[in-house]
Amino acid sequence: MPDENTPLFWGDGREGENPQDFINTVERKFVGKADSGADKIDYLRLSLKASSDADAWYRGLDTTITGTWTTLVSAFNTKWPVRVIATKTKEEKTAILAATVLKEEDVGKRITVNGVEELSHIAWANKVERLAEAIPDRDGLLISATRKALPIAVRSLLLSYGSWSTFCDAVRALPLERIEENQLEEEKKKRSEAKTDRLLLAATQQTPSKALAATLRNINIGAPIPAPRFNTAPNTNATRPSNTTNSSPFYSQPPNAGMFPTRTPAQRWADVVSFALIIHPDTPAGRALYEAQVNEWARKHGNRGPNESRPYPLSPGSCPVGSGECWTCGYTGHRGDSCSANRVIPQLERRWRSIASSIKRSLNGVTPTTNATPVNFVSGGDQWYSQEEYNAQVIHDYLEAQAAAQEQGKAEGSST
């Protein structure tokens, strides 16, 4: 009689039922026992679901087939042959590896893998090591891209590695306390960036100089700092004073100390179009190519913000800039204040979409001050800075100064 560990066989191709698993179960039942073909035949017959496709098949067999176990198994394999699974190509395996991402929200948490709880970064390291071996990536050529895709709280604790075993061992050995410390720092940085973006958005929706000045006047960081003044281009033959002491391109000299000739919205929008990056599809392969775009952008531009000549990569499957898209998710059809998407685009992408939309509004003549001449500022390093970038940097510097003043106040208070 079939025991409780042997599921009845239907033979109709239903989900979760594998004919070869069933026949192997029957074979295992008699391992180590005296060979009895008749017992195996009876066990198989009694393990078929009554009135099922498998039961009907068995009843239709000739006695010459059901008379011996060998002929019965041969007939069974003819009816339900071994399933041939297509082998994954190296490109498919590489795409799977690239899509195996340690999510930022999972860092520092325990997840369940095969019924066992494990820290997420350890479980991730175990999985990518198996995937890399399956490709196989014996020379470790994909380690660098995989490391760069890690959340900063984990990535900043790692070095460079030449083999997958040393890389994954290093990830598994990371102390949870160090990861949590990095997470706190990243959260603080993100809150500062989010505040900067909100202020920038408010500034770009009004007359830039007035909105920015009003915003900065409401920020209290101790000693008052004069609000920036945006001037249209003066005599283009004016010389630009040099600066070699202050590393900040926005405070090294007054905004009107040196400027390039003005560029029209049409010229700026032409750059938006000509320098536009490919928007990859929202697929495992597309997301892997997008990660490569982001890493390359960070390598080339570092801490510099995006503009029309260095556009930030757009999220896979999202809409182009200047298409009336939402700056929260990157898709059209709704406003940002009513966006309910679970996936939020990166801060730098959001800033780039804001700048591009501002340029397009100027091109279409729908900015609040359509007669105003656009200005571009230049730092001591001969770099172009649009008004949008200047607004963003001034706000960022003010917030940094505010945070520094607060930290200094805490330190002085604790020492008394």
Protein backbone atom coordinates (compact mmCIF):
# COMPACT_ATOMS: atom_id res chain seq x y z
CA MET A 1 0.00 0.00 0.00
CA PRO A 2 1.27 3.52 -0.73
CA ASP A 3 2.36 5.29 2.45
CA GLU A 4 1.70 8.88 3.42
CA ASN A 5 5.04 10.01 1.98
CA THR A 6 4.19 8.89 -1.54
CA PRO A 7 1.78 11.30 -3.24
CA LEU A 8 -0.71 9.75 -5.64
CA PHE A 9 0.18 10.23 -9.30
CA TRP A 10 -2.32 11.93 -11.63
CA GLY A 11 -0.29 12.03 -14.86
CA ASP A 12 -2.13 15.04 -16.31
CA GLY A 13 0.80 17.47 -16.25
CA ARG A 14 -0.47 19.45 -13.30
CA GLU A 15 1.78 22.00 -11.59
CA GLY A 16 4.24 20.50 -9.13
CA GLU A 17 3.93 16.92 -10.39
CA ASN A 18 6.94 15.36 -12.09
CA PRO A 19 6.48 11.84 -13.53
CA GLN A 20 10.17 11.02 -13.13
CA ASP A 21 10.05 11.99 -9.45
CA PHE A 22 7.12 9.61 -9.02
CA ILE A 23 8.82 6.62 -10.66
CA ASN A 24 11.98 7.31 -8.63
CA THR A 25 9.89 7.30 -5.45
CA VAL A 26 8.62 3.83 -6.32
CA GLU A 27 12.17 2.64 -6.99
CA ARG A 28 13.44 4.07 -3.69
CA LYS A 29 10.71 2.23 -1.82
CA PHE A 30 12.38 -1.09 -2.66
CA VAL A 31 16.07 -0.13 -2.36
CA GLY A 32 17.88 -2.70 -0.21
CA LYS A 33 15.04 -5.17 -0.38
CA ALA A 34 14.87 -8.45 -2.22
CA ASP A 35 14.12 -7.82 -5.87
CA SER A 36 10.43 -8.33 -6.37
CA GLY A 37 9.14 -7.01 -9.67
CA ALA A 38 5.61 -8.04 -8.81
CA ASP A 39 5.67 -5.95 -5.60
CA LYS A 40 6.92 -2.91 -7.50
CA ILE A 41 4.18 -3.32 -10.10
CA ASP A 42 1.51 -3.51 -7.42
CA TYR A 43 2.96 -0.53 -5.57
CA LEU A 44 2.93 1.60 -8.74
CA ARG A 45 -0.63 0.55 -9.61
CA LEU A 46 -1.89 1.37 -6.10
CA SER A 47 -0.10 4.76 -6.20
CA LEU A 48 -2.11 5.97 -9.20
CA LYS A 49 -4.98 8.34 -8.47
CA ALA A 50 -8.28 6.60 -9.15
CA SER A 51 -9.99 7.71 -12.38
CA SER A 52 -6.99 9.86 -13.29
CA ASP A 53 -5.15 9.99 -16.61
CA ALA A 54 -2.44 7.75 -15.15
CA ASP A 55 -5.02 5.22 -13.92
CA ALA A 56 -6.69 5.13 -17.35
CA TRP A 57 -3.29 4.64 -19.01
CA TYR A 58 -2.43 1.69 -16.76
CA ARG A 59 -5.79 0.00 -17.32
CA GLY A 60 -5.26 0.23 -21.07
CA LEU A 61 -1.93 -1.59 -21.03
CA ASP A 62 -1.56 -5.12 -22.34
CA THR A 63 -0.65 -7.82 -19.80
CA THR A 64 2.62 -8.40 -21.67
CA ILE A 65 3.65 -4.91 -20.54
CA THR A 66 2.34 -5.06 -16.98
CA GLY A 67 3.76 -8.55 -16.52
CA THR A 68 7.32 -7.39 -15.72
CA TRP A 69 8.74 -4.33 -13.99
CA THR A 70 11.22 -3.66 -16.83
CA THR A 71 8.56 -3.50 -19.55
CA LEU A 72 6.26 -1.44 -17.32
CA VAL A 73 8.96 1.16 -16.58
CA SER A 74 9.80 1.35 -20.29
CA ALA A 75 6.15 2.00 -21.12
CA PHE A 76 5.94 4.60 -18.33
CA ASN A 77 8.98 6.49 -19.70
CA THR A 78 7.48 6.40 -23.19
CA LYS A 79 4.24 7.93 -21.91
CA TRP A 80 6.00 10.47 -19.66
CA PRO A 81 9.51 11.05 -21.04
CA VAL A 82 12.22 12.89 -19.13
CA ARG A 83 11.73 16.64 -19.43
CA VAL A 84 14.61 18.35 -21.23
CA ILE A 85 15.41 21.73 -19.71
CA ALA A 86 17.12 24.31 -21.94
CA THR A 87 20.52 25.22 -20.54
CA LYS A 88 20.96 28.90 -19.71
CA THR A 89 23.47 30.75 -21.84
CA LYS A 90 26.42 32.60 -20.33
CA GLU A 91 24.70 35.90 -21.15
CA GLU A 92 21.55 34.81 -19.29
CA LYS A 93 23.56 33.73 -16.26
CA THR A 94 25.42 37.05 -16.29
CA ALA A 95 22.12 38.96 -16.41
CA ILE A 96 20.82 36.92 -13.46
CA LEU A 97 23.95 37.79 -11.49
CA ALA A 98 23.55 41.49 -12.31
CA ALA A 99 19.90 41.38 -11.23
CA THR A 100 20.75 39.79 -7.88
CA VAL A 101 20.87 43.02 -5.90
CA LEU A 102 21.15 43.50 -2.16
CA LYS A 103 18.29 45.91 -1.52
CA GLU A 104 19.09 48.90 0.63
CA GLU A 105 16.00 48.36 2.77
CA ASP A 106 17.15 44.79 3.55
CA VAL A 107 20.63 45.75 4.77
CA GLY A 108 21.10 44.90 8.44
CA LYS A 109 18.02 42.68 8.52
CA ARG A 110 17.61 38.92 8.68
CA ILE A 111 15.88 37.11 5.84
CA THR A 112 14.73 33.51 5.53
CA VAL A 113 16.51 31.33 2.96
CA ASN A 114 15.49 27.68 2.67
CA GLY A 115 13.83 27.87 6.07
CA VAL A 116 16.91 29.33 7.80
CA GLU A 117 17.24 32.94 8.98
CA GLU A 118 20.41 34.73 7.93
CA LEU A 119 21.67 38.32 7.71
CA SER A 120 20.80 39.69 4.28
CA HIS A 121 24.36 40.56 3.22
CA ILE A 122 25.56 37.04 4.11
CA ALA A 123 22.68 35.40 2.22
CA TRP A 124 23.42 37.68 -0.74
CA ALA A 125 27.12 36.73 -0.74
CA ASN A 126 26.24 33.02 -0.68
CA LYS A 127 23.91 33.43 -3.65
CA VAL A 128 26.16 35.55 -5.88
CA GLU A 129 29.08 33.20 -5.24
CA ARG A 130 27.00 30.30 -6.59
CA LEU A 131 25.85 32.38 -9.58
CA ALA A 132 29.41 33.46 -10.41
CA GLU A 133 30.58 29.84 -10.29
CA ALA A 134 27.74 28.84 -12.63
CA ILE A 135 28.71 31.38 -15.33
CA PRO A 136 31.70 30.71 -14.69
CA ASP A 137 33.58 33.96 -13.99
CA ARG A 138 36.92 32.41 -13.05
CA ASP A 139 38.90 35.63 -13.62
CA GLY A 140 36.59 37.72 -11.42
CA LEU A 141 35.83 40.20 -14.21
CA LEU A 142 32.33 40.85 -12.87
CA ILE A 143 33.37 41.47 -9.25
CA SER A 144 33.87 45.22 -9.69
CA ALA A 145 30.41 45.82 -11.21
CA THR A 146 28.79 43.61 -8.56
CA ARG A 147 30.56 45.48 -5.75
CA LYS A 148 29.54 48.88 -7.16
CA ALA A 149 25.87 47.80 -7.15
CA LEU A 150 25.95 47.20 -3.38
CA PRO A 151 24.36 49.77 -1.04
CA ILE A 152 26.91 52.35 0.09
CA ALA A 153 26.62 51.18 3.72
CA VAL A 154 28.12 47.83 2.65
CA ARG A 155 30.25 48.91 -0.31
CA SER A 156 32.24 51.47 1.67
CA LEU A 157 33.53 48.70 3.96
CA LEU A 158 34.98 46.63 1.10
CA LEU A 159 38.27 46.76 -0.80
CA SER A 160 39.19 45.40 -4.25
CA TYR A 161 39.29 41.63 -4.72
CA GLY A 162 40.65 39.33 -7.40
CA SER A 163 38.48 36.27 -6.84
CA TRP A 164 34.87 35.59 -5.96
CA SER A 165 35.79 33.54 -2.92
CA THR A 166 37.81 36.36 -1.31
CA PHE A 167 35.17 38.94 -2.24
CA CYS A 168 32.27 36.92 -0.83
CA ASP A 169 34.27 35.97 2.27
CA ALA A 170 34.89 39.67 2.90
CA VAL A 171 31.17 40.45 2.59
CA ARG A 172 30.24 37.61 4.94
CA ALA A 173 32.79 38.84 7.49
CA LEU A 174 31.43 42.41 7.69
CA PRO A 175 30.41 43.32 11.27
CA LEU A 176 26.76 44.23 11.60
CA GLU A 177 27.68 47.15 13.89
CA ARG A 178 29.81 48.82 11.19
CA ILE A 179 27.06 48.41 8.61
CA GLU A 180 24.49 49.98 10.93
CA GLU A 181 26.82 52.94 11.61
CA ASN A 182 27.16 53.53 7.86
CA GLN A 183 23.39 53.30 7.45
CA LEU A 184 22.86 56.09 9.98
CA GLU A 185 25.31 58.31 8.11
CA GLU A 186 23.59 57.60 4.79
CA GLU A 187 20.16 58.38 6.24
CA LYS A 188 21.46 61.72 7.50
CA LYS A 189 22.91 62.50 4.08
CA LYS A 190 19.68 61.56 2.29
CA ARG A 191 17.59 63.77 4.56
CA SER A 192 19.90 66.68 3.76
CA GLU A 193 19.66 65.98 0.01
CA ALA A 194 15.87 65.67 0.17
CA LYS A 195 15.63 69.02 1.95
CA THR A 196 17.88 70.57 -0.68
CA ASP A 197 15.72 69.19 -3.50
CA ARG A 198 12.53 70.51 -1.93
CA LEU A 199 14.03 73.97 -1.65
CA LEU A 200 15.38 73.77 -5.20
CA LEU A 201 11.98 72.72 -6.53
CA ALA A 202 10.32 75.64 -4.78
CA ALA A 203 12.93 77.99 -6.21
CA THR A 204 12.59 76.79 -9.82
CA GLN A 205 8.79 77.12 -9.78
CA GLN A 206 9.02 80.88 -9.18
CA THR A 207 11.24 83.69 -10.41
CA PRO A 208 14.61 82.10 -9.59
CA SER A 209 16.34 85.05 -7.93
CA LYS A 210 13.35 86.10 -5.83
CA ALA A 211 12.39 82.58 -4.79
CA LEU A 212 15.92 81.63 -3.82
CA ALA A 213 16.50 84.85 -1.90
CA ALA A 214 13.21 84.41 -0.01
CA THR A 215 14.07 80.80 0.82
CA LEU A 216 17.52 81.64 2.09
CA ARG A 217 16.25 84.53 4.20
CA ASN A 218 14.10 82.03 6.10
CA ILE A 219 17.07 79.80 6.91
CA ASN A 220 18.66 80.67 10.25
CA ILE A 221 22.22 79.48 10.62
CA GLY A 222 23.50 82.13 12.99
CA ALA A 223 25.36 84.87 11.19
CA PRO A 224 23.38 86.14 8.16
CA ILE A 225 24.79 85.43 4.72
CA PRO A 226 23.70 87.68 1.84
CA ALA A 227 21.43 86.06 -0.71
CA PRO A 228 22.94 85.58 -4.18
CA ARG A 229 22.18 88.05 -6.94
CA PHE A 230 21.71 86.84 -10.50
CA ASN A 231 22.77 89.32 -13.14
CA THR A 232 22.55 89.11 -16.88
CA ALA A 233 25.77 89.00 -18.80
CA PRO A 234 27.72 92.29 -18.77
CA ASN A 235 30.39 93.27 -21.23
CA THR A 236 31.66 89.98 -22.63
CA ASN A 237 35.19 91.40 -22.73
CA ALA A 238 35.30 91.72 -18.94
CA THR A 239 38.10 89.76 -17.38
CA ARG A 240 37.41 87.03 -14.89
CA PRO A 241 39.40 87.20 -11.60
CA SER A 242 41.21 84.03 -10.74
CA ASN A 243 40.79 82.10 -7.50
CA THR A 244 43.17 79.54 -6.11
CA THR A 245 42.30 79.41 -2.43
CA ASN A 246 38.66 78.37 -2.10
CA SER A 247 37.67 75.00 -3.48
CA SER A 248 33.95 75.88 -3.72
CA PRO A 249 33.12 77.13 -7.23
CA PHE A 250 30.12 79.00 -5.86
CA TYR A 251 31.77 80.93 -3.03
CA SER A 252 35.22 81.45 -4.53
CA GLN A 253 34.02 84.71 -6.13
CA PRO A 254 30.83 86.74 -6.52
CA PRO A 255 28.42 85.41 -9.15
CA ASN A 256 28.95 88.45 -11.35
CA ALA A 257 32.75 88.32 -11.12
CA GLY A 258 32.98 86.29 -14.31
CA MET A 259 30.44 84.80 -16.69
CA PHE A 260 30.35 83.13 -20.07
CA PRO A 261 28.20 84.68 -22.79
CA THR A 262 24.55 83.78 -22.28
CA ARG A 263 23.13 80.68 -23.92
CA THR A 264 19.59 80.65 -25.23
CA PRO A 265 16.99 78.06 -24.15
CA ALA A 266 17.10 76.69 -27.71
CA GLN A 267 20.85 76.08 -27.44
CA ARG A 268 20.48 74.47 -24.04
CA TRP A 269 17.58 72.24 -25.17
CA ALA A 270 19.61 71.18 -28.22
CA ASP A 271 22.25 69.92 -25.79
CA VAL A 272 19.59 68.08 -23.78
CA VAL A 273 18.61 66.21 -26.95
CA SER A 274 22.10 65.62 -28.34
CA PHE A 275 23.63 64.41 -25.06
CA ALA A 276 20.63 62.27 -24.03
CA LEU A 277 21.56 58.81 -22.74
CA ILE A 278 19.82 55.59 -23.75
CA ILE A 279 16.88 54.63 -21.51
CA HIS A 280 17.23 50.89 -21.03
CA PRO A 281 14.17 48.60 -20.65
CA ASP A 282 13.02 47.54 -17.19
CA THR A 283 14.37 43.98 -17.52
CA PRO A 284 17.20 42.18 -15.71
CA ALA A 285 19.57 42.89 -18.59
CA GLY A 286 18.34 46.49 -18.88
CA ARG A 287 18.77 47.10 -15.18
CA ALA A 288 22.31 45.72 -15.36
CA LEU A 289 23.15 48.12 -18.20
CA TYR A 290 21.57 50.98 -16.23
CA GLU A 291 23.78 50.20 -13.23
CA ALA A 292 26.78 50.36 -15.54
CA GLN A 293 25.59 53.78 -16.78
CA VAL A 294 25.28 55.09 -13.21
CA ASN A 295 28.71 53.78 -12.23
CA GLU A 296 30.30 55.33 -15.32
CA TRP A 297 28.59 58.67 -14.65
CA ALA A 298 29.85 58.71 -11.05
CA ARG A 299 33.36 57.84 -12.21
CA LYS A 300 33.44 60.65 -14.79
CA HIS A 301 31.66 63.41 -12.89
CA GLY A 302 32.16 62.63 -9.19
CA ASN A 303 30.31 65.13 -6.99
CA ARG A 304 29.36 67.47 -9.83
CA GLY A 305 25.65 67.80 -10.48
CA PRO A 306 23.88 66.98 -13.76
CA ASN A 307 23.17 69.48 -16.52
CA GLU A 308 22.45 69.46 -20.25
CA SER A 309 26.04 68.48 -21.11
CA ARG A 310 26.27 65.72 -18.48
CA PRO A 311 22.74 64.24 -18.16
CA TYR A 312 22.19 61.74 -15.38
CA PRO A 313 21.12 58.20 -16.44
CA LEU A 314 17.35 57.67 -16.38
CA SER A 315 15.74 54.74 -14.57
CA PRO A 316 14.98 51.66 -16.73
CA GLY A 317 11.62 51.91 -18.50
CA SER A 318 11.02 55.52 -17.43
CA CYS A 319 9.99 58.44 -19.66
CA PRO A 320 12.38 60.95 -21.26
CA VAL A 321 13.11 64.27 -19.58
CA GLY A 322 10.88 67.18 -20.49
CA SER A 323 7.93 64.90 -21.29
CA GLY A 324 5.74 66.20 -18.47
CA GLU A 325 6.82 63.27 -16.34
CA CYS A 326 6.57 62.93 -12.57
CA TRP A 327 9.88 63.78 -10.83
CA THR A 328 9.22 61.15 -8.17
CA CYS A 329 8.82 58.00 -10.31
CA GLY A 330 9.82 59.15 -13.82
CA TYR A 331 6.50 58.29 -15.50
CA THR A 332 3.82 60.46 -17.08
CA GLY A 333 0.10 60.62 -16.35
CA HIS A 334 0.14 62.25 -12.91
CA ARG A 335 1.69 65.01 -10.84
CA GLY A 336 4.47 64.50 -8.35
CA ASP A 337 2.32 65.48 -5.39
CA SER A 338 -0.15 62.70 -6.24
CA CYS A 339 2.43 60.01 -7.07
CA SER A 340 1.76 56.67 -5.38
CA ALA A 341 4.58 54.67 -6.97
CA ASN A 342 6.58 52.36 -4.73
CA ARG A 343 9.79 52.95 -6.66
CA VAL A 344 11.35 56.41 -6.24
CA ILE A 345 14.00 57.59 -8.69
CA PRO A 346 17.46 58.62 -7.38
CA GLN A 347 17.96 62.18 -6.15
CA LEU A 348 20.41 63.07 -8.94
CA GLU A 349 17.95 61.83 -11.57
CA ARG A 350 15.20 63.88 -9.97
CA ARG A 351 17.42 66.96 -10.05
CA TRP A 352 18.26 66.38 -13.71
CA ARG A 353 14.58 65.99 -14.65
CA SER A 354 13.85 69.26 -12.83
CA ILE A 355 16.60 71.11 -14.69
CA ALA A 356 15.60 69.68 -18.09
CA SER A 357 11.94 70.59 -17.53
CA SER A 358 12.96 74.13 -16.58
CA ILE A 359 14.96 74.42 -19.81
CA LYS A 360 12.01 73.19 -21.86
CA ARG A 361 9.62 75.59 -20.16
CA SER A 362 12.01 78.42 -21.02
CA LEU A 363 12.16 77.16 -24.60
CA ASN A 364 8.36 77.19 -24.84
CA GLY A 365 8.21 80.65 -23.31
CA VAL A 366 6.13 79.64 -20.28
CA THR A 367 8.55 80.56 -17.52
CA PRO A 368 7.34 83.20 -15.05
CA THR A 369 9.80 85.72 -16.51
CA THR A 370 9.85 85.06 -20.23
CA ASN A 371 11.79 88.25 -20.98
CA ALA A 372 14.60 87.47 -18.57
CA THR A 373 17.93 86.63 -20.14
CA PRO A 374 19.26 83.21 -19.03
CA VAL A 375 22.59 83.35 -17.25
CA ASN A 376 25.43 80.91 -16.88
CA PHE A 377 28.06 81.27 -14.17
CA VAL A 378 31.66 80.16 -14.31
CA SER A 379 33.87 79.07 -11.46
CA GLY A 380 37.57 79.55 -11.07
CA GLY A 381 38.03 76.17 -12.76
CA ASP A 382 36.39 77.37 -16.03
CA GLN A 383 33.34 75.15 -15.56
CA TRP A 384 29.87 76.11 -16.79
CA TYR A 385 27.16 76.43 -14.17
CA SER A 386 23.56 77.08 -15.14
CA GLN A 387 21.28 79.11 -12.92
CA GLU A 388 19.51 75.91 -11.81
CA GLU A 389 22.82 74.38 -10.75
CA TYR A 390 23.83 77.56 -8.98
CA ASN A 391 20.53 77.58 -7.06
CA ALA A 392 21.05 73.96 -6.05
CA GLN A 393 24.62 74.50 -4.88
CA VAL A 394 23.84 77.64 -2.88
CA ILE A 395 21.00 75.88 -1.06
CA HIS A 396 23.22 72.86 -0.44
CA ASP A 397 26.01 75.02 0.99
CA TYR A 398 23.58 76.84 3.27
CA LEU A 399 22.23 73.55 4.61
CA GLU A 400 25.74 72.26 5.20
CA ALA A 401 26.60 75.46 7.06
CA GLN A 402 23.43 75.12 9.13
CA ALA A 403 24.30 71.54 10.08
CA ALA A 404 27.87 72.55 10.96
CA ALA A 405 26.62 75.40 13.15
CA GLN A 406 24.27 73.05 14.98
CA GLU A 407 27.05 70.52 15.56
CA GLN A 408 29.36 73.26 16.83
CA GLY A 409 26.66 74.48 19.22
CA LYS A 410 26.23 70.98 20.62
CA ALA A 411 29.99 70.63 21.12
CA GLU A 412 30.26 73.97 22.91
CA GLY A 413 27.25 73.20 25.10
CA SER A 414 28.64 69.84 26.17
CA SER A 415 32.00 71.33 27.14
CA THR A 416 30.56 73.82 29.64
